Amino acid sequence: MILVGIDIGKNSHFFCVLNRDDGEVLVQPTCFKNNQNGFTLLLQVLAPYGKASVLIGMDTGHYHFALLRYLLSKEFINPIATDMPRRMQGGISKNNKLDTLTICDVLFSSNHKKSYRITKIDKFEYYEQRQLTRHHHNLKEELNFYANRLQKCIDLVLPEFNSLFKSKYGTVYMNIF
């Protein structure tokens, strides 16, 4: 089994390749861009190992979506998203090259319970929709929170202000305010 650890970044990612059987580092931590050319480079490096023998792990965050979608479209079965392996092992500072090895360690080790989750190919679209729905809900809650704070300030400073208008936060209300 070949382990691939990918440390995700905004503009670029790092990956390394390890042989699970003997722990040998087959490909030292290498940088690739978060775009089509970078993804193609990654697949070129992984091509000699065959898809069936490759287990890919990557850290989570929203920057991994494009790469995950690409890997799924190229029929890599179940890339694994690891949950902050650096924190699990007590690391504080960010080191892209070492993080790739840590991700491989998380894939290899049986000491960590629920340290990763397998991404199902047929569920990825639902995952994106769920993320958008959660984000929409959070934005609505945040808007409500700030509207309440604004209303509190208006009530304290100008208690009679609201009685002058039929609708709170309308165009005239906000322009006068």
N, C-alpha and C. Protein backbone atom coordinates (compact mmCIF):
# COMPACT_ATOMS: atom_id res chain seq x y z
N MET A 1 0.85 -1.18 0.00
CA MET A 1 0.00 0.00 0.00
C MET A 1 0.89 1.24 0.00
N ILE A 2 0.53 2.19 -0.82
CA ILE A 2 1.25 3.45 -0.94
C ILE A 2 0.42 4.53 -0.25
N LEU A 3 1.04 5.27 0.67
CA LEU A 3 0.36 6.35 1.38
C LEU A 3 0.79 7.69 0.80
N VAL A 4 -0.17 8.56 0.55
CA VAL A 4 0.10 9.90 0.05
C VAL A 4 -0.48 10.88 1.05
N GLY A 5 0.37 11.70 1.64
CA GLY A 5 -0.08 12.74 2.57
C GLY A 5 -0.03 14.08 1.86
N ILE A 6 -1.14 14.80 1.91
CA ILE A 6 -1.22 16.10 1.25
C ILE A 6 -1.58 17.15 2.28
N ASP A 7 -0.70 18.14 2.43
CA ASP A 7 -0.95 19.28 3.30
C ASP A 7 -1.55 20.38 2.43
N ILE A 8 -2.74 20.81 2.76
CA ILE A 8 -3.50 21.73 1.92
C ILE A 8 -3.18 23.18 2.30
N GLY A 9 -2.98 24.00 1.27
CA GLY A 9 -2.80 25.43 1.44
C GLY A 9 -3.73 26.18 0.52
N LYS A 10 -3.72 27.49 0.62
CA LYS A 10 -4.62 28.30 -0.21
C LYS A 10 -4.20 28.27 -1.67
N ASN A 11 -2.96 28.59 -1.96
CA ASN A 11 -2.48 28.67 -3.35
C ASN A 11 -1.68 27.46 -3.78
N SER A 12 -1.13 26.73 -2.82
CA SER A 12 -0.34 25.56 -3.16
C SER A 12 -0.46 24.53 -2.05
N HIS A 13 -0.18 23.30 -2.41
CA HIS A 13 -0.24 22.17 -1.48
C HIS A 13 1.12 21.48 -1.49
N PHE A 14 1.38 20.69 -0.44
CA PHE A 14 2.57 19.84 -0.39
C PHE A 14 2.10 18.40 -0.29
N PHE A 15 2.86 17.48 -0.89
CA PHE A 15 2.54 16.07 -0.77
C PHE A 15 3.83 15.27 -0.62
N CYS A 16 3.70 14.10 -0.02
CA CYS A 16 4.78 13.14 0.02
C CYS A 16 4.18 11.76 -0.21
N VAL A 17 5.02 10.81 -0.59
CA VAL A 17 4.57 9.45 -0.86
C VAL A 17 5.41 8.51 -0.02
N LEU A 18 4.74 7.62 0.73
CA LEU A 18 5.41 6.64 1.58
C LEU A 18 4.96 5.24 1.22
N ASN A 19 5.87 4.30 1.40
CA ASN A 19 5.53 2.88 1.29
C ASN A 19 5.06 2.45 2.66
N ARG A 20 3.82 2.00 2.76
CA ARG A 20 3.25 1.62 4.05
C ARG A 20 3.95 0.41 4.65
N ASP A 21 4.42 -0.49 3.82
CA ASP A 21 5.02 -1.73 4.32
C ASP A 21 6.30 -1.51 5.10
N ASP A 22 7.18 -0.66 4.57
CA ASP A 22 8.47 -0.47 5.25
C ASP A 22 8.70 0.97 5.72
N GLY A 23 7.75 1.88 5.48
CA GLY A 23 7.88 3.26 5.93
C GLY A 23 8.83 4.09 5.11
N GLU A 24 9.32 3.56 3.99
CA GLU A 24 10.27 4.29 3.16
C GLU A 24 9.56 5.46 2.47
N VAL A 25 10.22 6.61 2.49
CA VAL A 25 9.70 7.79 1.80
C VAL A 25 10.06 7.65 0.33
N LEU A 26 9.07 7.44 -0.51
CA LEU A 26 9.29 7.24 -1.94
C LEU A 26 9.43 8.58 -2.68
N VAL A 27 8.67 9.58 -2.25
CA VAL A 27 8.75 10.92 -2.82
C VAL A 27 8.82 11.90 -1.67
N GLN A 28 9.91 12.66 -1.60
CA GLN A 28 10.07 13.66 -0.56
C GLN A 28 8.97 14.71 -0.67
N PRO A 29 8.64 15.40 0.43
CA PRO A 29 7.61 16.43 0.36
C PRO A 29 7.88 17.41 -0.77
N THR A 30 6.86 17.58 -1.61
CA THR A 30 6.96 18.37 -2.83
C THR A 30 5.77 19.31 -2.92
N CYS A 31 6.02 20.50 -3.43
CA CYS A 31 4.98 21.51 -3.56
C CYS A 31 4.30 21.39 -4.94
N PHE A 32 2.99 21.61 -4.97
CA PHE A 32 2.29 21.72 -6.24
C PHE A 32 1.19 22.77 -6.09
N LYS A 33 0.88 23.43 -7.18
CA LYS A 33 -0.10 24.52 -7.18
C LYS A 33 -1.52 23.99 -7.03
N ASN A 34 -2.38 24.83 -6.48
CA ASN A 34 -3.79 24.51 -6.32
C ASN A 34 -4.53 24.89 -7.61
N ASN A 35 -4.16 24.21 -8.69
CA ASN A 35 -4.81 24.44 -9.98
C ASN A 35 -4.67 23.18 -10.83
N GLN A 36 -5.20 23.23 -12.04
CA GLN A 36 -5.19 22.07 -12.94
C GLN A 36 -3.78 21.55 -13.18
N ASN A 37 -2.82 22.45 -13.42
CA ASN A 37 -1.43 22.02 -13.68
C ASN A 37 -0.83 21.32 -12.48
N GLY A 38 -1.10 21.84 -11.29
CA GLY A 38 -0.58 21.20 -10.08
C GLY A 38 -1.20 19.84 -9.84
N PHE A 39 -2.51 19.73 -10.10
CA PHE A 39 -3.18 18.44 -9.92
C PHE A 39 -2.65 17.41 -10.90
N THR A 40 -2.37 17.86 -12.13
CA THR A 40 -1.80 16.96 -13.14
C THR A 40 -0.42 16.49 -12.72
N LEU A 41 0.38 17.39 -12.15
CA LEU A 41 1.70 17.02 -11.65
C LEU A 41 1.58 15.94 -10.58
N LEU A 42 0.65 16.11 -9.67
CA LEU A 42 0.44 15.11 -8.61
C LEU A 42 0.10 13.75 -9.22
N LEU A 43 -0.81 13.73 -10.18
CA LEU A 43 -1.19 12.46 -10.79
C LEU A 43 -0.05 11.82 -11.57
N GLN A 44 0.81 12.63 -12.17
CA GLN A 44 1.97 12.09 -12.88
C GLN A 44 2.91 11.38 -11.90
N VAL A 45 3.08 11.96 -10.73
CA VAL A 45 3.94 11.34 -9.72
C VAL A 45 3.31 10.05 -9.20
N LEU A 46 1.98 10.03 -9.07
CA LEU A 46 1.29 8.85 -8.53
C LEU A 46 1.05 7.75 -9.56
N ALA A 47 1.17 8.07 -10.84
CA ALA A 47 0.85 7.12 -11.92
C ALA A 47 1.57 5.78 -11.80
N PRO A 48 2.87 5.72 -11.46
CA PRO A 48 3.56 4.42 -11.41
C PRO A 48 3.02 3.47 -10.33
N TYR A 49 2.31 3.99 -9.34
CA TYR A 49 1.87 3.15 -8.22
C TYR A 49 0.51 2.50 -8.46
N GLY A 50 -0.27 3.00 -9.37
CA GLY A 50 -1.60 2.43 -9.63
C GLY A 50 -2.62 2.90 -8.61
N LYS A 51 -3.80 3.23 -9.07
CA LYS A 51 -4.84 3.78 -8.21
C LYS A 51 -5.26 2.83 -7.09
N ALA A 52 -5.28 1.54 -7.36
CA ALA A 52 -5.76 0.57 -6.38
C ALA A 52 -4.85 0.47 -5.16
N SER A 53 -3.57 0.78 -5.32
CA SER A 53 -2.64 0.64 -4.20
C SER A 53 -2.35 1.95 -3.49
N VAL A 54 -3.01 3.04 -3.90
CA VAL A 54 -2.74 4.36 -3.33
C VAL A 54 -3.84 4.74 -2.34
N LEU A 55 -3.42 5.15 -1.13
CA LEU A 55 -4.33 5.69 -0.14
C LEU A 55 -3.94 7.15 0.08
N ILE A 56 -4.84 8.06 -0.24
CA ILE A 56 -4.55 9.49 -0.17
C ILE A 56 -5.19 10.08 1.07
N GLY A 57 -4.41 10.85 1.81
CA GLY A 57 -4.92 11.59 2.96
C GLY A 57 -4.58 13.05 2.82
N MET A 58 -5.51 13.91 3.20
CA MET A 58 -5.26 15.34 3.14
C MET A 58 -5.90 16.00 4.34
N ASP A 59 -5.31 17.12 4.78
CA ASP A 59 -5.93 17.82 5.89
C ASP A 59 -7.14 18.59 5.39
N THR A 60 -8.00 18.96 6.32
CA THR A 60 -9.27 19.55 5.94
C THR A 60 -9.21 21.07 5.97
N GLY A 61 -10.25 21.67 5.53
CA GLY A 61 -10.38 23.10 5.34
C GLY A 61 -10.99 23.29 3.97
N HIS A 62 -11.50 24.46 3.70
CA HIS A 62 -12.21 24.61 2.44
C HIS A 62 -11.30 24.66 1.22
N TYR A 63 -10.02 24.80 1.38
CA TYR A 63 -9.11 24.84 0.23
C TYR A 63 -8.89 23.47 -0.40
N HIS A 64 -9.33 22.41 0.25
CA HIS A 64 -9.11 21.07 -0.30
C HIS A 64 -10.22 20.63 -1.26
N PHE A 65 -11.30 21.40 -1.39
CA PHE A 65 -12.43 20.98 -2.23
C PHE A 65 -12.05 20.77 -3.69
N ALA A 66 -11.30 21.69 -4.27
CA ALA A 66 -10.96 21.57 -5.70
C ALA A 66 -10.13 20.32 -5.95
N LEU A 67 -9.14 20.07 -5.10
CA LEU A 67 -8.32 18.87 -5.25
C LEU A 67 -9.14 17.61 -5.03
N LEU A 68 -9.99 17.61 -4.02
CA LEU A 68 -10.81 16.45 -3.73
C LEU A 68 -11.74 16.13 -4.92
N ARG A 69 -12.36 17.14 -5.45
CA ARG A 69 -13.25 16.95 -6.61
C ARG A 69 -12.44 16.39 -7.79
N TYR A 70 -11.25 16.91 -7.98
CA TYR A 70 -10.40 16.44 -9.09
C TYR A 70 -10.03 14.97 -8.90
N LEU A 71 -9.62 14.60 -7.71
CA LEU A 71 -9.24 13.21 -7.44
C LEU A 71 -10.43 12.27 -7.62
N LEU A 72 -11.58 12.69 -7.17
CA LEU A 72 -12.77 11.86 -7.34
C LEU A 72 -13.13 11.72 -8.82
N SER A 73 -12.95 12.81 -9.59
CA SER A 73 -13.26 12.73 -11.02
C SER A 73 -12.28 11.82 -11.76
N LYS A 74 -11.08 11.66 -11.23
CA LYS A 74 -10.08 10.78 -11.83
C LYS A 74 -10.15 9.37 -11.24
N GLU A 75 -11.23 9.10 -10.53
CA GLU A 75 -11.55 7.78 -10.00
C GLU A 75 -10.56 7.27 -8.95
N PHE A 76 -10.01 8.18 -8.16
CA PHE A 76 -9.28 7.75 -6.98
C PHE A 76 -10.34 7.45 -5.94
N ILE A 77 -10.35 6.26 -5.43
CA ILE A 77 -11.41 5.81 -4.55
C ILE A 77 -11.17 6.32 -3.14
N ASN A 78 -12.15 7.00 -2.61
CA ASN A 78 -12.19 7.43 -1.21
C ASN A 78 -10.94 8.13 -0.70
N PRO A 79 -10.60 9.30 -1.24
CA PRO A 79 -9.56 10.09 -0.58
C PRO A 79 -10.00 10.38 0.85
N ILE A 80 -9.07 10.41 1.75
CA ILE A 80 -9.39 10.55 3.17
C ILE A 80 -9.02 11.95 3.63
N ALA A 81 -9.93 12.57 4.35
CA ALA A 81 -9.67 13.89 4.94
C ALA A 81 -9.33 13.69 6.40
N THR A 82 -8.12 14.04 6.78
CA THR A 82 -7.70 13.88 8.17
C THR A 82 -8.06 15.14 8.93
N ASP A 83 -8.36 14.99 10.19
CA ASP A 83 -8.78 16.12 11.01
C ASP A 83 -7.62 16.64 11.85
N MET A 84 -6.95 17.63 11.32
CA MET A 84 -5.91 18.35 12.03
C MET A 84 -4.88 17.45 12.71
N PRO A 85 -4.14 16.66 11.96
CA PRO A 85 -3.18 15.74 12.58
C PRO A 85 -2.08 16.46 13.35
N ARG A 86 -1.74 17.66 12.94
CA ARG A 86 -0.67 18.40 13.63
C ARG A 86 -1.09 18.67 15.06
N ARG A 87 -2.34 19.06 15.26
CA ARG A 87 -2.82 19.33 16.62
C ARG A 87 -2.93 18.05 17.43
N MET A 88 -3.30 16.96 16.76
CA MET A 88 -3.44 15.69 17.47
C MET A 88 -2.12 15.24 18.04
N GLN A 89 -1.05 15.58 17.36
CA GLN A 89 0.26 15.13 17.83
C GLN A 89 0.99 16.21 18.61
N GLY A 90 0.27 17.25 19.02
CA GLY A 90 0.84 18.27 19.88
C GLY A 90 1.66 19.31 19.17
N GLY A 91 1.64 19.35 17.86
CA GLY A 91 2.41 20.36 17.13
C GLY A 91 1.74 21.71 17.20
N ILE A 92 2.55 22.74 17.20
CA ILE A 92 2.02 24.10 17.27
C ILE A 92 2.27 24.84 15.97
N SER A 93 3.50 24.77 15.50
CA SER A 93 3.84 25.54 14.31
C SER A 93 3.48 24.77 13.04
N LYS A 94 3.26 25.52 11.99
CA LYS A 94 2.89 24.95 10.69
C LYS A 94 4.16 24.69 9.91
N ASN A 95 4.30 23.47 9.42
CA ASN A 95 5.43 23.10 8.59
C ASN A 95 4.90 22.17 7.51
N ASN A 96 4.72 22.71 6.30
CA ASN A 96 4.06 21.97 5.22
C ASN A 96 4.73 20.62 4.94
N LYS A 97 6.06 20.60 4.91
CA LYS A 97 6.76 19.36 4.58
C LYS A 97 6.57 18.31 5.66
N LEU A 98 6.69 18.70 6.92
CA LEU A 98 6.51 17.74 8.01
C LEU A 98 5.05 17.32 8.14
N ASP A 99 4.13 18.24 7.83
CA ASP A 99 2.71 17.91 7.93
C ASP A 99 2.32 16.81 6.95
N THR A 100 2.96 16.76 5.80
CA THR A 100 2.65 15.68 4.84
C THR A 100 3.00 14.33 5.45
N LEU A 101 4.12 14.26 6.14
CA LEU A 101 4.52 13.01 6.80
C LEU A 101 3.59 12.66 7.96
N THR A 102 3.14 13.68 8.68
CA THR A 102 2.22 13.46 9.80
C THR A 102 0.90 12.90 9.29
N ILE A 103 0.42 13.41 8.16
CA ILE A 103 -0.82 12.91 7.58
C ILE A 103 -0.68 11.44 7.19
N CYS A 104 0.47 11.08 6.61
CA CYS A 104 0.73 9.67 6.30
C CYS A 104 0.74 8.83 7.57
N ASP A 105 1.30 9.37 8.65
CA ASP A 105 1.33 8.66 9.92
C ASP A 105 -0.10 8.42 10.44
N VAL A 106 -0.97 9.40 10.26
CA VAL A 106 -2.36 9.25 10.69
C VAL A 106 -3.03 8.13 9.90
N LEU A 107 -2.75 8.06 8.61
CA LEU A 107 -3.33 7.01 7.77
C LEU A 107 -2.81 5.63 8.18
N PHE A 108 -1.56 5.57 8.56
CA PHE A 108 -0.89 4.31 8.87
C PHE A 108 -1.23 3.80 10.27
N SER A 109 -1.35 4.73 11.20
CA SER A 109 -1.48 4.37 12.60
C SER A 109 -2.89 3.93 12.95
N SER A 110 -2.99 2.97 13.83
CA SER A 110 -4.30 2.54 14.35
C SER A 110 -4.54 3.12 15.74
N ASN A 111 -3.62 3.97 16.21
CA ASN A 111 -3.74 4.54 17.56
C ASN A 111 -4.81 5.61 17.64
N HIS A 112 -5.10 6.25 16.53
CA HIS A 112 -6.04 7.38 16.52
C HIS A 112 -7.42 6.89 16.13
N LYS A 113 -8.36 7.03 17.04
CA LYS A 113 -9.73 6.66 16.70
C LYS A 113 -10.40 7.86 16.03
N LYS A 114 -11.09 7.60 14.94
CA LYS A 114 -11.83 8.61 14.21
C LYS A 114 -10.95 9.81 13.85
N SER A 115 -9.71 9.57 13.49
CA SER A 115 -8.82 10.67 13.13
C SER A 115 -8.99 11.06 11.68
N TYR A 116 -9.79 10.31 10.95
CA TYR A 116 -10.03 10.65 9.55
C TYR A 116 -11.43 10.21 9.16
N ARG A 117 -11.86 10.72 8.03
CA ARG A 117 -13.13 10.28 7.48
C ARG A 117 -12.95 10.02 5.99
N ILE A 118 -13.65 9.03 5.50
CA ILE A 118 -13.55 8.67 4.10
C ILE A 118 -14.62 9.45 3.33
N THR A 119 -14.20 10.07 2.24
CA THR A 119 -15.13 10.82 1.42
C THR A 119 -15.76 9.88 0.41
N LYS A 120 -17.05 9.80 0.43
CA LYS A 120 -17.78 8.94 -0.50
C LYS A 120 -17.98 9.69 -1.82
N ILE A 121 -17.76 9.01 -2.89
CA ILE A 121 -17.88 9.62 -4.21
C ILE A 121 -19.29 10.14 -4.47
N ASP A 122 -20.29 9.34 -4.12
CA ASP A 122 -21.66 9.72 -4.44
C ASP A 122 -22.25 10.73 -3.47
N LYS A 123 -21.54 11.08 -2.42
CA LYS A 123 -22.05 12.01 -1.41
C LYS A 123 -21.40 13.40 -1.49
N PHE A 124 -20.44 13.61 -2.39
CA PHE A 124 -19.69 14.86 -2.40
C PHE A 124 -20.59 16.06 -2.70
N GLU A 125 -21.51 15.91 -3.65
CA GLU A 125 -22.40 17.02 -3.99
C GLU A 125 -23.28 17.39 -2.80
N TYR A 126 -23.74 16.38 -2.06
CA TYR A 126 -24.54 16.64 -0.87
C TYR A 126 -23.71 17.36 0.19
N TYR A 127 -22.45 17.01 0.27
CA TYR A 127 -21.56 17.66 1.23
C TYR A 127 -21.45 19.14 0.91
N GLU A 128 -21.25 19.48 -0.36
CA GLU A 128 -21.16 20.89 -0.76
C GLU A 128 -22.47 21.62 -0.46
N GLN A 129 -23.59 21.01 -0.75
CA GLN A 129 -24.88 21.63 -0.49
C GLN A 129 -25.09 21.84 1.01
N ARG A 130 -24.67 20.87 1.80
CA ARG A 130 -24.79 20.99 3.25
C ARG A 130 -23.94 22.14 3.77
N GLN A 131 -22.73 22.28 3.21
CA GLN A 131 -21.86 23.37 3.61
C GLN A 131 -22.50 24.72 3.28
N LEU A 132 -23.08 24.86 2.09
CA LEU A 132 -23.73 26.10 1.70
C LEU A 132 -24.93 26.40 2.59
N THR A 133 -25.70 25.37 2.91
CA THR A 133 -26.86 25.56 3.79
C THR A 133 -26.43 26.01 5.17
N ARG A 134 -25.40 25.39 5.70
CA ARG A 134 -24.88 25.79 7.03
C ARG A 134 -24.37 27.22 7.00
N HIS A 135 -23.66 27.57 5.93
CA HIS A 135 -23.13 28.92 5.82
C HIS A 135 -24.28 29.94 5.76
N HIS A 136 -25.31 29.64 4.99
CA HIS A 136 -26.47 30.51 4.89
C HIS A 136 -27.12 30.68 6.26
N HIS A 137 -27.30 29.58 6.98
CA HIS A 137 -27.89 29.63 8.32
C HIS A 137 -27.04 30.48 9.26
N ASN A 138 -25.72 30.30 9.22
CA ASN A 138 -24.83 31.06 10.09
C ASN A 138 -24.88 32.55 9.76
N LEU A 139 -24.95 32.89 8.48
CA LEU A 139 -25.05 34.30 8.09
C LEU A 139 -26.35 34.93 8.59
N LYS A 140 -27.46 34.17 8.51
CA LYS A 140 -28.73 34.68 9.01
C LYS A 140 -28.67 34.91 10.52
N GLU A 141 -28.05 34.00 11.25
CA GLU A 141 -27.90 34.17 12.69
C GLU A 141 -27.03 35.38 13.01
N GLU A 142 -25.96 35.55 12.24
CA GLU A 142 -25.06 36.68 12.46
C GLU A 142 -25.78 38.00 12.16
N LEU A 143 -26.57 38.04 11.09
CA LEU A 143 -27.34 39.23 10.75
C LEU A 143 -28.31 39.56 11.88
N ASN A 144 -28.99 38.55 12.41
CA ASN A 144 -29.92 38.75 13.52
C ASN A 144 -29.19 39.28 14.75
N PHE A 145 -28.03 38.74 15.03
CA PHE A 145 -27.24 39.18 16.18
C PHE A 145 -26.90 40.67 16.08
N TYR A 146 -26.41 41.10 14.90
CA TYR A 146 -26.03 42.50 14.74
C TYR A 146 -27.24 43.43 14.67
N ALA A 147 -28.35 42.94 14.14
CA ALA A 147 -29.57 43.75 14.15
C ALA A 147 -30.04 43.99 15.58
N ASN A 148 -29.95 42.97 16.42
CA ASN A 148 -30.32 43.12 17.83
C ASN A 148 -29.39 44.08 18.55
N ARG A 149 -28.11 44.01 18.25
CA ARG A 149 -27.15 44.94 18.87
C ARG A 149 -27.42 46.38 18.45
N LEU A 150 -27.73 46.56 17.16
CA LEU A 150 -28.06 47.89 16.66
C LEU A 150 -29.31 48.41 17.34
N GLN A 151 -30.33 47.57 17.45
CA GLN A 151 -31.58 47.98 18.08
C GLN A 151 -31.37 48.35 19.53
N LYS A 152 -30.52 47.62 20.22
CA LYS A 152 -30.22 47.93 21.62
C LYS A 152 -29.60 49.31 21.73
N CYS A 153 -28.65 49.62 20.84
CA CYS A 153 -28.00 50.93 20.86
C CYS A 153 -29.00 52.05 20.55
N ILE A 154 -29.87 51.81 19.57
CA ILE A 154 -30.88 52.81 19.23
C ILE A 154 -31.81 53.04 20.41
N ASP A 155 -32.25 51.96 21.07
CA ASP A 155 -33.14 52.09 22.22
C ASP A 155 -32.49 52.85 23.37
N LEU A 156 -31.19 52.67 23.55
CA LEU A 156 -30.50 53.36 24.64
C LEU A 156 -30.29 54.84 24.33
N VAL A 157 -29.91 55.15 23.12
CA VAL A 157 -29.54 56.52 22.77
C VAL A 157 -30.75 57.34 22.31
N LEU A 158 -31.59 56.76 21.46
CA LEU A 158 -32.75 57.46 20.90
C LEU A 158 -34.01 56.60 21.07
N PRO A 159 -34.56 56.49 22.26
CA PRO A 159 -35.68 55.59 22.49
C PRO A 159 -36.92 55.91 21.65
N GLU A 160 -37.12 57.15 21.26
CA GLU A 160 -38.30 57.52 20.49
C GLU A 160 -38.11 57.36 18.98
N PHE A 161 -36.92 57.01 18.54
CA PHE A 161 -36.60 56.93 17.11
C PHE A 161 -37.49 55.92 16.37
N ASN A 162 -37.70 54.74 16.95
CA ASN A 162 -38.48 53.68 16.28
C ASN A 162 -39.94 54.06 16.10
N SER A 163 -40.47 54.90 16.98
CA SER A 163 -41.89 55.27 16.87
C SER A 163 -42.14 56.22 15.70
N LEU A 164 -41.11 56.77 15.10
CA LEU A 164 -41.27 57.68 13.97
C LEU A 164 -41.47 56.96 12.64
N PHE A 165 -41.25 55.65 12.60
CA PHE A 165 -41.27 54.90 11.34
C PHE A 165 -42.18 53.69 11.44
N LYS A 166 -42.80 53.35 10.32
CA LYS A 166 -43.65 52.16 10.26
C LYS A 166 -42.81 50.89 10.17
N SER A 167 -41.66 50.99 9.51
CA SER A 167 -40.83 49.81 9.28
C SER A 167 -39.40 50.07 9.75
N LYS A 168 -38.90 49.16 10.57
CA LYS A 168 -37.51 49.27 11.00
C LYS A 168 -36.59 48.86 9.86
N TYR A 169 -35.47 49.52 9.77
CA TYR A 169 -34.39 49.20 8.84
C TYR A 169 -34.79 49.37 7.37
N GLY A 170 -35.81 50.16 7.11
CA GLY A 170 -36.16 50.50 5.73
C GLY A 170 -35.16 51.52 5.20
N THR A 171 -35.33 51.92 3.94
CA THR A 171 -34.40 52.84 3.32
C THR A 171 -34.39 54.20 4.02
N VAL A 172 -35.57 54.78 4.26
CA VAL A 172 -35.65 56.08 4.91
C VAL A 172 -35.10 55.97 6.33
N TYR A 173 -35.50 54.93 7.05
CA TYR A 173 -35.04 54.70 8.42
C TYR A 173 -33.51 54.71 8.49
N MET A 174 -32.88 53.94 7.60
CA MET A 174 -31.43 53.81 7.63
C MET A 174 -30.75 55.09 7.15
N ASN A 175 -31.33 55.80 6.17
CA ASN A 175 -30.71 57.04 5.69
C ASN A 175 -30.76 58.13 6.75
N ILE A 176 -31.85 58.24 7.47
CA ILE A 176 -31.93 59.23 8.54
C ILE A 176 -31.02 58.85 9.68
N PHE A 177 -30.99 57.58 9.98
CA PHE A 177 -30.16 57.10 11.08
C PHE A 177 -28.72 57.39 10.79
